[in-house]
Amino acid sequence: MLFSELPLANPLQRAIRAVGYEQPTPIQEQSIPSLLEGKDLLGIAQTGTGKTAAFALPILQLLLDSGKFRAPKTCRALILLPTRELAIQVADCFKQYAQFTAISTTCIFGGVGDASQKNSLIRGVDVLVATPGRLLDLIGQKAVSLKALEFFVLDEADRMLDMGFIHDIRKVVALLPQNRQNLFFSATMPDDITKLAATILRPNPVRVEVAPQSTPIERIRQELYRIDKRRKGALLKELLQEHPEMKKVLVFSRTKHGADKITRVLEKAGIKCAAIHGNKSQNRRQEALGNFKKESIRVLVATDIAARGIDVDDVSHVFNYDLPDVPETFVHRIGRTARAGKDGIAISFCSPDEEQDLRAIEKLTKIKVPEGDKAIYEKLPPPQKETPESEMRNARGRGFPRRDKPAQSAGHQKPEQSARPEWHAKPERGSKPVQKPAQASPEQSQGSNHHQRRRNRPGSRARRRMRENGSQNP
């Protein structure tokens, strides 16, 4: 089947030719005819299978056929996505496919000011692409209403669940009109996702399940380097400097702090790179992603959450700087390369405390990851020894109690405490207690206490030392 054989309007066919599509992918071929008939759809497919066009093209066709007009502060189609980057990419796809029509598309997400997003919703939009948090925020501000909604798409449902958006999704679904067409997409279908789908979809939806045309494990050449955690940065730098063919490299870090640290190491070595994670502003993240796509930078360092939904072509190498503690995440990571029939390379670093994660990954993939060239270890500088201060700092990070003072040697003896005054000692049985010396009256002690306080004042001690040193200007 060809796209030209699908019952799509001429403006959409023109846009399809403009983006270079000729033959639909399996999910597009199975989904588009059913959606054009107005049926609900349950799609089980991963990123990279062409599912965005599978739901975008029929929605645009149905919007053209309905002949309805958008009302102020409303939307006719809502596409709900887990991350900002994925929302922006899907909105760009809608704009590409609708470039020869009058259908409008707006994208709203958190992390930026909402003033421009509110302005874009004043006259209403045909297609609204949104993340759950910002959508509920603007609904609460009366900036947008879902009362006129005709199409609802929930994409990446399993990632929504992983990121804790399940309650937000239920709030959004409660605001939707009853008469609507629903599309539900997820890469996996655990019990919670199955129950959620049952609350959104109408009975007997069309079920389309499509596996990737080529699983990442089959096409990707993998390498493993067992390395101490303190030497990972030096190993990454050495590999990038020795292999100039690594032109478009994606590095995964487990933490935001780790991503920033990797970036500093590479920048110090003169390697152009950038990091994206939750602490970066949306503008910085978009700038880094755009530079990576244009190959203005060679390396993009990302955390798993920030990298979700990022679809970048021609990634030559993927580095697992830190092994993930969820084996499925490893498969998703290395799947960023070897796309569109091309080959790719995935390189993983494994420190001694990550051996258990490595065994779990090999059990899931049923592949023992081969080790890389061991000669590279000889080119690395020896690991820096930790100073006592850093050792204590690392110990506190691992949950050990703080040690502000160095441990005492075995021969060290504590100084003897001064003996208690005789009158304060506990009297022996049968003996008379020693009388406490009588205190001076307030009149008698006022002068001595006054001078004692003056002697103890810091300023007085400083002046006294200066006088003792012979200074004439205290």
Protein backbone atom coordinates (compact mmCIF):
# COMPACT_ATOMS: atom_id res chain seq x y z
CA MET A 1 0.00 0.00 0.00
CA LEU A 2 1.09 3.57 -0.72
CA PHE A 3 0.05 6.81 0.98
CA SER A 4 -1.48 7.91 -2.29
CA GLU A 5 -3.96 5.02 -1.98
CA LEU A 6 -5.28 6.20 1.42
CA PRO A 7 -8.50 8.28 1.43
CA LEU A 8 -6.81 11.52 2.50
CA ALA A 9 -7.59 15.01 1.20
CA ASN A 10 -5.35 16.63 -1.39
CA PRO A 11 -3.79 19.14 1.09
CA LEU A 12 -2.73 16.24 3.30
CA GLN A 13 -1.44 14.22 0.36
CA ARG A 14 0.58 17.25 -0.70
CA ALA A 15 2.08 17.57 2.77
CA ILE A 16 2.91 13.85 2.82
CA ARG A 17 4.84 14.21 -0.42
CA ALA A 18 6.59 17.31 0.95
CA VAL A 19 7.95 15.39 3.95
CA GLY A 20 9.03 12.51 1.72
CA TYR A 21 6.62 9.76 2.83
CA GLU A 22 5.77 7.13 0.24
CA GLN A 23 4.85 3.86 1.92
CA PRO A 24 3.09 3.73 5.30
CA THR A 25 4.60 1.77 8.19
CA PRO A 26 2.67 -1.23 9.56
CA ILE A 27 1.02 0.78 12.35
CA GLN A 28 0.01 3.51 9.89
CA GLU A 29 -1.40 1.00 7.44
CA GLN A 30 -3.46 -0.72 10.16
CA SER A 31 -4.57 2.38 12.09
CA ILE A 32 -5.48 5.06 9.53
CA PRO A 33 -8.45 3.25 7.86
CA SER A 34 -10.04 2.33 11.21
CA LEU A 35 -9.60 5.83 12.61
CA LEU A 36 -11.14 7.38 9.51
CA GLU A 37 -14.23 5.29 10.29
CA GLY A 38 -14.49 6.97 13.72
CA LYS A 39 -13.49 3.95 15.82
CA ASP A 40 -11.56 4.06 19.09
CA LEU A 41 -8.07 2.60 18.91
CA LEU A 42 -5.71 0.88 21.33
CA GLY A 43 -2.19 0.98 19.89
CA ILE A 44 0.72 -0.94 21.38
CA ALA A 45 3.85 0.41 19.75
CA GLN A 46 7.19 1.91 20.70
CA THR A 47 8.72 5.17 19.61
CA GLY A 48 10.10 4.99 16.09
CA THR A 49 7.27 2.95 14.56
CA GLY A 50 5.57 5.95 12.93
CA LYS A 51 2.63 6.19 15.32
CA THR A 52 2.52 10.02 15.30
CA ALA A 53 1.52 10.06 11.63
CA ALA A 54 -0.77 7.10 12.34
CA PHE A 55 -3.03 9.25 14.50
CA ALA A 56 -2.23 12.75 13.22
CA LEU A 57 -3.24 12.21 9.57
CA PRO A 58 -6.70 10.70 10.26
CA ILE A 59 -7.46 13.34 12.92
CA LEU A 60 -6.62 16.13 10.46
CA GLN A 61 -8.75 14.45 7.79
CA LEU A 62 -11.75 14.18 10.15
CA LEU A 63 -11.31 17.80 11.25
CA LEU A 64 -11.46 18.86 7.60
CA ASP A 65 -14.54 16.72 6.95
CA SER A 66 -16.54 17.91 9.95
CA GLY A 67 -16.83 21.49 8.74
CA LYS A 68 -17.05 22.78 12.33
CA PHE A 69 -15.32 25.91 13.58
CA ARG A 70 -13.38 26.28 16.79
CA ALA A 71 -14.88 28.37 19.59
CA PRO A 72 -12.86 30.82 21.74
CA LYS A 73 -10.75 29.18 24.45
CA THR A 74 -11.57 25.67 23.25
CA CYS A 75 -9.85 22.91 21.31
CA ARG A 76 -11.23 20.25 19.00
CA ALA A 77 -8.46 17.65 19.40
CA LEU A 78 -6.29 17.09 22.48
CA ILE A 79 -3.03 15.11 22.40
CA LEU A 80 -1.66 14.46 25.89
CA LEU A 81 2.05 13.61 26.26
CA PRO A 82 4.42 13.06 29.22
CA THR A 83 7.36 15.38 28.38
CA ARG A 84 7.94 18.83 26.92
CA GLU A 85 10.29 17.59 24.21
CA LEU A 86 7.86 14.95 23.00
CA ALA A 87 5.01 17.48 23.01
CA ILE A 88 7.04 19.88 20.87
CA GLN A 89 7.95 17.15 18.39
CA VAL A 90 4.34 15.96 18.01
CA ALA A 91 3.13 19.56 17.57
CA ASP A 92 5.75 20.08 14.85
CA CYS A 93 4.48 16.96 13.07
CA PHE A 94 0.90 18.26 13.14
CA LYS A 95 2.05 21.57 11.71
CA GLN A 96 3.94 19.81 8.93
CA TYR A 97 0.99 17.65 7.96
CA ALA A 98 -1.46 20.59 8.13
CA GLN A 99 0.80 23.13 6.40
CA PHE A 100 -1.53 23.38 3.37
CA THR A 101 -4.72 23.67 5.44
CA ALA A 102 -6.23 26.25 7.79
CA ILE A 103 -6.05 23.90 10.80
CA SER A 104 -4.25 25.49 13.76
CA THR A 105 -2.00 23.74 16.27
CA THR A 106 -0.81 24.97 19.66
CA CYS A 107 1.60 23.33 22.10
CA ILE A 108 1.51 24.02 25.85
CA PHE A 109 3.93 22.70 28.47
CA GLY A 110 5.46 23.67 31.79
CA GLY A 111 8.85 25.15 32.56
CA VAL A 112 8.18 28.41 30.70
CA GLY A 113 5.89 31.40 31.19
CA ASP A 114 2.24 30.85 30.36
CA ALA A 115 1.40 34.32 28.96
CA SER A 116 2.08 33.46 25.31
CA GLN A 117 0.32 30.12 25.70
CA LYS A 118 -2.78 31.85 27.06
CA ASN A 119 -2.76 34.30 24.16
CA SER A 120 -2.62 31.45 21.64
CA LEU A 121 -5.74 29.92 23.20
CA ILE A 122 -7.91 33.05 23.25
CA ARG A 123 -9.43 32.46 19.80
CA GLY A 124 -9.45 28.69 20.22
CA VAL A 125 -7.35 26.06 18.43
CA ASP A 126 -8.09 22.98 16.38
CA VAL A 127 -5.28 20.78 17.78
CA LEU A 128 -3.90 21.23 21.28
CA VAL A 129 -0.75 19.29 22.22
CA ALA A 130 -0.14 19.43 25.96
CA THR A 131 1.56 17.99 29.01
CA PRO A 132 -0.80 17.14 31.91
CA GLY A 133 0.43 19.64 34.51
CA ARG A 134 0.29 22.78 32.35
CA LEU A 135 -3.05 21.73 30.83
CA LEU A 136 -4.70 21.43 34.25
CA ASP A 137 -3.11 24.73 35.28
CA LEU A 138 -4.59 26.60 32.30
CA ILE A 139 -7.95 24.89 32.75
CA GLY A 140 -7.96 26.12 36.35
CA GLN A 141 -7.24 29.65 35.11
CA LYS A 142 -10.18 29.44 32.66
CA ALA A 143 -7.76 29.87 29.75
CA VAL A 144 -9.03 26.77 27.93
CA SER A 145 -12.06 24.49 28.08
CA LEU A 146 -12.50 20.91 26.89
CA LYS A 147 -16.28 21.08 26.42
CA ALA A 148 -16.04 21.13 22.58
CA LEU A 149 -13.49 18.31 22.31
CA GLU A 150 -13.97 15.80 19.48
CA PHE A 151 -10.73 13.74 19.62
CA PHE A 152 -8.63 12.67 22.59
CA VAL A 153 -5.20 11.03 22.22
CA LEU A 154 -3.22 9.69 25.17
CA ASP A 155 0.30 8.87 23.99
CA GLU A 156 3.12 7.14 25.90
CA ALA A 157 0.67 5.96 28.57
CA ASP A 158 3.18 3.65 30.27
CA ARG A 159 5.65 6.51 30.64
CA MET A 160 2.87 8.66 32.06
CA LEU A 161 2.42 6.01 34.72
CA ASP A 162 6.17 5.79 35.43
CA MET A 163 6.40 9.56 35.84
CA GLY A 164 3.48 9.75 38.28
CA PHE A 165 0.95 11.46 35.96
CA ILE A 166 -1.82 8.93 36.50
CA HIS A 167 -3.82 11.21 38.84
CA ASP A 168 -3.50 14.16 36.45
CA ILE A 169 -4.73 11.99 33.58
CA ARG A 170 -7.79 10.97 35.54
CA LYS A 171 -8.55 14.61 36.28
CA VAL A 172 -8.32 15.46 32.58
CA VAL A 173 -10.50 12.51 31.55
CA ALA A 174 -13.17 13.60 34.04
CA LEU A 175 -13.41 16.94 32.18
CA LEU A 176 -13.86 15.42 28.70
CA PRO A 177 -17.28 15.29 26.97
CA GLN A 178 -18.87 11.85 26.59
CA ASN A 179 -19.17 12.02 22.80
CA ARG A 180 -15.60 11.83 21.53
CA GLN A 181 -13.21 9.55 19.65
CA ASN A 182 -10.37 8.12 21.78
CA LEU A 183 -6.89 6.95 20.83
CA PHE A 184 -4.70 5.24 23.42
CA PHE A 185 -1.02 4.41 22.76
CA SER A 186 1.46 2.61 25.00
CA ALA A 187 4.67 0.64 24.46
CA THR A 188 3.71 -1.88 27.16
CA MET A 189 0.43 -2.92 28.75
CA PRO A 190 0.81 -3.63 32.48
CA ASP A 191 -2.33 -4.10 34.59
CA ASP A 192 -2.57 -0.43 35.60
CA ILE A 193 -2.40 0.69 31.96
CA THR A 194 -5.01 -1.88 30.93
CA LYS A 195 -7.39 -0.59 33.60
CA LEU A 196 -6.75 3.01 32.56
CA ALA A 197 -7.43 2.19 28.91
CA ALA A 198 -10.75 0.59 29.88
CA THR A 199 -11.88 3.86 31.53
CA ILE A 200 -11.01 5.97 28.45
CA LEU A 201 -11.86 3.84 25.42
CA ARG A 202 -15.32 2.88 24.29
CA PRO A 203 -16.18 -0.85 24.28
CA ASN A 204 -14.52 -3.04 21.63
CA PRO A 205 -11.81 -0.65 20.39
CA VAL A 206 -9.61 -1.55 17.44
CA ARG A 207 -6.41 -3.11 18.77
CA VAL A 208 -3.20 -2.59 16.81
CA GLU A 209 0.00 -4.15 18.13
CA VAL A 210 3.18 -3.49 16.18
CA ALA A 211 6.72 -4.44 17.14
CA PRO A 212 9.64 -2.39 15.84
CA GLN A 213 10.75 -3.50 12.39
CA SER A 214 14.13 -4.41 13.81
CA THR A 215 14.79 -4.71 17.52
CA PRO A 216 17.79 -2.67 18.71
CA ILE A 217 19.60 -5.72 20.05
CA GLU A 218 19.81 -7.30 16.62
CA ARG A 219 21.40 -4.33 14.86
CA ILE A 220 23.50 -2.71 17.56
CA ARG A 221 27.09 -3.70 18.21
CA GLN A 222 27.71 -3.54 21.93
CA GLU A 223 30.88 -3.07 23.97
CA LEU A 224 31.44 -3.24 27.71
CA TYR A 225 34.16 -1.60 29.78
CA ARG A 226 34.60 -2.58 33.42
CA ILE A 227 35.98 0.51 35.07
CA ASP A 228 36.19 2.14 38.46
CA LYS A 229 33.59 4.86 38.91
CA ARG A 230 36.27 7.54 39.39
CA ARG A 231 37.86 6.72 35.99
CA LYS A 232 34.69 6.76 33.86
CA GLY A 233 35.15 10.38 32.83
CA ALA A 234 38.72 9.76 31.68
CA LEU A 235 37.63 6.67 29.73
CA LEU A 236 34.83 8.53 27.95
CA LYS A 237 37.18 11.37 27.04
CA GLU A 238 39.82 8.94 25.73
CA LEU A 239 37.34 7.02 23.57
CA LEU A 240 35.94 10.20 22.03
CA GLN A 241 39.40 11.56 21.28
CA GLU A 242 40.64 8.29 19.74
CA HIS A 243 37.57 7.74 17.54
CA PRO A 244 36.66 10.78 15.43
CA GLU A 245 33.98 8.68 13.70
CA MET A 246 31.88 9.17 16.85
CA LYS A 247 30.21 12.25 15.40
CA LYS A 248 26.77 12.15 17.02
CA VAL A 249 27.00 10.69 20.51
CA LEU A 250 24.29 10.37 23.15
CA VAL A 251 25.52 9.80 26.72
CA PHE A 252 23.14 8.65 29.46
CA SER A 253 23.70 9.59 33.09
CA ARG A 254 21.65 8.35 36.00
CA THR A 255 21.54 11.74 37.79
CA LYS A 256 21.35 15.43 36.91
CA HIS A 257 24.53 16.18 38.88
CA GLY A 258 26.31 13.40 37.01
CA ALA A 259 25.23 14.82 33.64
CA ASP A 260 26.67 18.23 34.54
CA LYS A 261 29.90 16.61 35.76
CA ILE A 262 30.33 14.68 32.50
CA THR A 263 29.78 17.88 30.52
CA ARG A 264 32.47 19.71 32.48
CA VAL A 265 34.98 16.89 31.86
CA LEU A 266 34.34 16.88 28.11
CA GLU A 267 34.35 20.66 27.76
CA LYS A 268 37.69 20.79 29.55
CA ALA A 269 39.03 18.38 26.91
CA GLY A 270 37.76 20.61 24.09
CA ILE A 271 34.84 18.35 23.10
CA LYS A 272 31.68 20.27 22.17
CA CYS A 273 28.80 19.00 24.27
CA ALA A 274 25.69 19.98 26.22
CA ALA A 275 23.48 18.47 28.90
CA ILE A 276 19.72 18.25 29.22
CA HIS A 277 17.91 17.36 32.43
CA GLY A 278 15.11 18.58 34.66
CA ASN A 279 17.12 21.42 36.22
CA LYS A 280 17.77 23.05 32.83
CA SER A 281 15.33 25.68 31.59
CA GLN A 282 13.15 24.77 28.65
CA ASN A 283 14.97 27.23 26.38
CA ARG A 284 18.35 25.73 27.30
CA ARG A 285 17.07 22.22 26.68
CA GLN A 286 15.62 23.12 23.30
CA GLU A 287 18.81 24.93 22.34
CA ALA A 288 20.95 21.91 23.29
CA LEU A 289 18.67 19.51 21.41
CA GLY A 290 18.62 21.74 18.34
CA ASN A 291 22.41 22.04 18.31
CA PHE A 292 22.72 18.27 18.62
CA LYS A 293 20.39 17.69 15.68
CA LYS A 294 22.34 20.19 13.57
CA GLU A 295 25.61 18.56 14.76
CA SER A 296 26.83 21.88 16.14
CA ILE A 297 27.76 19.87 19.22
CA ARG A 298 29.18 16.37 19.15
CA VAL A 299 27.88 14.96 22.45
CA LEU A 300 24.52 15.29 24.18
CA VAL A 301 24.45 14.18 27.83
CA ALA A 302 20.99 13.36 29.16
CA THR A 303 19.12 11.74 32.01
CA ASP A 304 16.46 9.14 31.24
CA ILE A 305 13.55 11.42 32.14
CA ALA A 306 14.80 14.31 29.99
CA ALA A 307 15.58 12.01 27.04
CA ARG A 308 12.11 10.46 26.89
CA GLY A 309 10.43 11.26 23.65
CA ILE A 310 13.56 12.66 22.01
CA ASP A 311 13.72 11.39 18.46
CA VAL A 312 17.05 12.28 16.84
CA ASP A 313 18.14 10.74 13.56
CA ASP A 314 21.60 9.34 12.77
CA VAL A 315 22.84 8.88 16.35
CA SER A 316 26.09 6.97 15.77
CA HIS A 317 26.91 5.95 19.36
CA VAL A 318 25.08 5.61 22.65
CA PHE A 319 27.07 5.56 25.90
CA ASN A 320 25.65 4.11 29.11
CA TYR A 321 27.89 6.10 31.42
CA ASP A 322 25.84 4.75 34.34
CA LEU A 323 23.99 1.47 33.92
CA PRO A 324 20.26 1.83 34.62
CA ASP A 325 18.74 -0.11 37.50
CA VAL A 326 15.74 -1.07 35.29
CA PRO A 327 16.80 -3.45 32.49
CA GLU A 328 14.07 -2.26 30.11
CA THR A 329 15.52 1.25 30.29
CA PHE A 330 18.77 -0.11 28.85
CA VAL A 331 16.91 -1.38 25.77
CA HIS A 332 15.20 2.00 25.32
CA ARG A 333 18.52 3.82 25.65
CA ILE A 334 20.45 1.86 23.06
CA GLY A 335 17.42 1.98 20.74
CA ARG A 336 18.30 5.61 20.03
CA THR A 337 20.82 4.37 17.49
CA ALA A 338 20.53 1.86 14.61
CA ARG A 339 17.33 3.41 13.26
CA ALA A 340 15.95 3.42 9.74
CA GLY A 341 17.91 0.29 8.83
CA LYS A 342 21.27 1.73 9.89
CA ASP A 343 23.83 0.18 12.21
CA GLY A 344 24.80 1.59 15.57
CA ILE A 345 27.13 1.08 18.50
CA ALA A 346 26.28 1.05 22.21
CA ILE A 347 29.08 1.30 24.77
CA SER A 348 28.45 0.61 28.45
CA PHE A 349 30.58 1.41 31.49
CA CYS A 350 30.24 -0.93 34.46
CA SER A 351 31.72 -0.17 37.87
CA PRO A 352 31.99 -2.91 40.54
CA ASP A 353 28.79 -1.79 42.27
CA GLU A 354 26.86 -2.07 38.95
CA GLU A 355 27.59 -5.75 38.28
CA GLN A 356 24.14 -6.75 39.51
CA ASP A 357 22.50 -4.31 37.06
CA LEU A 358 24.62 -5.77 34.25
CA ARG A 359 23.50 -9.31 35.05
CA ALA A 360 19.86 -8.21 35.00
CA ILE A 361 20.35 -6.54 31.59
CA GLU A 362 22.02 -9.62 30.10
CA LYS A 363 19.24 -11.81 31.47
CA LEU A 364 16.58 -9.64 29.82
CA THR A 365 18.32 -9.27 26.45
CA LYS A 366 19.70 -12.84 26.52
CA ILE A 367 22.97 -11.47 25.20
CA LYS A 368 26.29 -11.40 27.03
CA VAL A 369 27.78 -7.99 26.28
CA PRO A 370 31.34 -8.44 24.94
CA GLU A 371 34.16 -6.46 26.50
CA GLY A 372 35.89 -3.73 24.54
CA ASP A 373 39.55 -3.18 23.82
CA LYS A 374 41.40 -3.61 27.10
CA ALA A 375 44.43 -1.73 25.79
CA ILE A 376 42.53 1.51 26.39
CA TYR A 377 42.98 1.07 30.16
CA GLU A 378 46.74 1.55 29.85
CA LYS A 379 46.22 5.01 28.35
CA LEU A 380 44.13 6.24 31.26
CA PRO A 381 45.67 8.19 34.13
CA PRO A 382 45.58 6.45 37.52
CA PRO A 383 42.58 7.30 39.69
CA GLN A 384 43.11 10.25 41.97
CA LYS A 385 43.46 9.38 45.62
CA GLU A 386 40.79 10.83 47.80
CA THR A 387 41.84 13.31 50.45
CA PRO A 388 40.68 12.76 54.05
CA GLU A 389 38.15 15.56 53.55
CA SER A 390 36.67 13.93 50.42
CA GLU A 391 36.65 10.53 52.13
CA MET A 392 34.62 11.97 55.00
CA ARG A 393 32.35 13.74 52.52
CA ASN A 394 31.79 10.54 50.57
CA ALA A 395 31.21 8.64 53.78
CA ARG A 396 28.48 11.09 54.75
CA GLY A 397 26.96 10.67 51.28
CA ARG A 398 26.79 6.90 51.87
CA GLY A 399 24.98 7.42 55.15
CA PHE A 400 27.89 7.10 57.59
CA PRO A 401 28.06 9.42 60.59
CA ARG A 402 30.01 12.63 60.24
CA ARG A 403 33.57 12.75 61.51
CA ASP A 404 34.60 16.31 62.19
CA LYS A 405 37.79 15.27 64.03
CA PRO A 406 40.45 12.74 63.03
CA ALA A 407 40.46 9.46 64.88
CA GLN A 408 42.69 9.36 67.97
CA SER A 409 45.73 7.12 67.93
CA ALA A 410 45.94 4.17 70.25
CA GLY A 411 48.59 5.87 72.42
CA HIS A 412 46.67 9.08 72.76
CA GLN A 413 45.32 9.77 76.24
CA LYS A 414 42.60 12.18 77.09
CA PRO A 415 43.69 14.99 79.38
CA GLU A 416 42.69 14.52 82.97
CA GLN A 417 39.70 16.50 84.06
CA SER A 418 40.27 19.04 86.74
CA ALA A 419 39.30 17.80 90.14
CA ARG A 420 36.08 18.98 91.66
CA PRO A 421 36.36 21.53 94.45
CA GLU A 422 36.51 20.01 97.86
CA TRP A 423 33.20 21.44 98.93
CA HIS A 424 31.48 19.93 95.83
CA ALA A 425 32.80 16.36 96.42
CA LYS A 426 30.43 13.74 97.77
CA PRO A 427 31.17 13.31 101.48
CA GLU A 428 32.09 9.90 102.83
CA ARG A 429 29.59 8.10 105.04
CA GLY A 430 29.87 9.29 108.64
CA SER A 431 31.91 12.38 107.84
CA LYS A 432 30.73 15.93 107.99
CA PRO A 433 30.22 17.64 104.63
CA VAL A 434 32.63 20.39 103.76
CA GLN A 435 30.95 23.75 103.94
CA LYS A 436 30.67 25.72 100.74
CA PRO A 437 32.64 28.97 100.98
CA ALA A 438 30.51 31.95 101.75
CA GLN A 439 29.76 34.16 98.80
CA ALA A 440 30.52 37.85 98.89
CA SER A 441 27.65 40.26 99.11
CA PRO A 442 26.49 42.00 95.90
CA GLU A 443 28.03 45.25 97.10
CA GLN A 444 31.39 43.56 97.71
CA SER A 445 31.47 41.58 94.46
CA GLN A 446 30.12 44.24 92.13
CA GLY A 447 33.48 45.82 91.53
CA SER A 448 35.41 42.59 91.06
CA ASN A 449 32.75 41.13 88.76
CA HIS A 450 32.72 44.32 86.74
CA HIS A 451 36.50 44.21 86.21
CA GLN A 452 36.35 40.49 85.49
CA ARG A 453 33.77 41.09 82.75
CA ARG A 454 35.88 43.87 81.26
CA ARG A 455 38.92 41.61 81.19
CA ASN A 456 36.94 38.89 79.39
CA ARG A 457 35.57 41.23 76.71
CA PRO A 458 37.28 40.58 73.32
CA GLY A 459 37.98 44.25 72.77
CA SER A 460 39.64 44.58 76.14
CA ARG A 461 41.84 41.54 75.53
CA ALA A 462 42.88 42.92 72.15
CA ARG A 463 43.77 46.28 73.64
CA ARG A 464 45.69 44.57 76.42
CA ARG A 465 47.74 42.52 73.95
CA MET A 466 48.51 45.65 71.96
CA ARG A 467 49.69 47.42 75.08
CA GLU A 468 51.88 44.45 76.00
CA ASN A 469 53.40 44.55 72.50
CA GLY A 470 54.25 48.18 72.96
CA SER A 471 51.67 49.71 70.58
CA GLN A 472 50.80 53.33 71.37
CA ASN A 473 47.47 53.36 69.49
CA PRO A 474 45.17 50.64 70.84
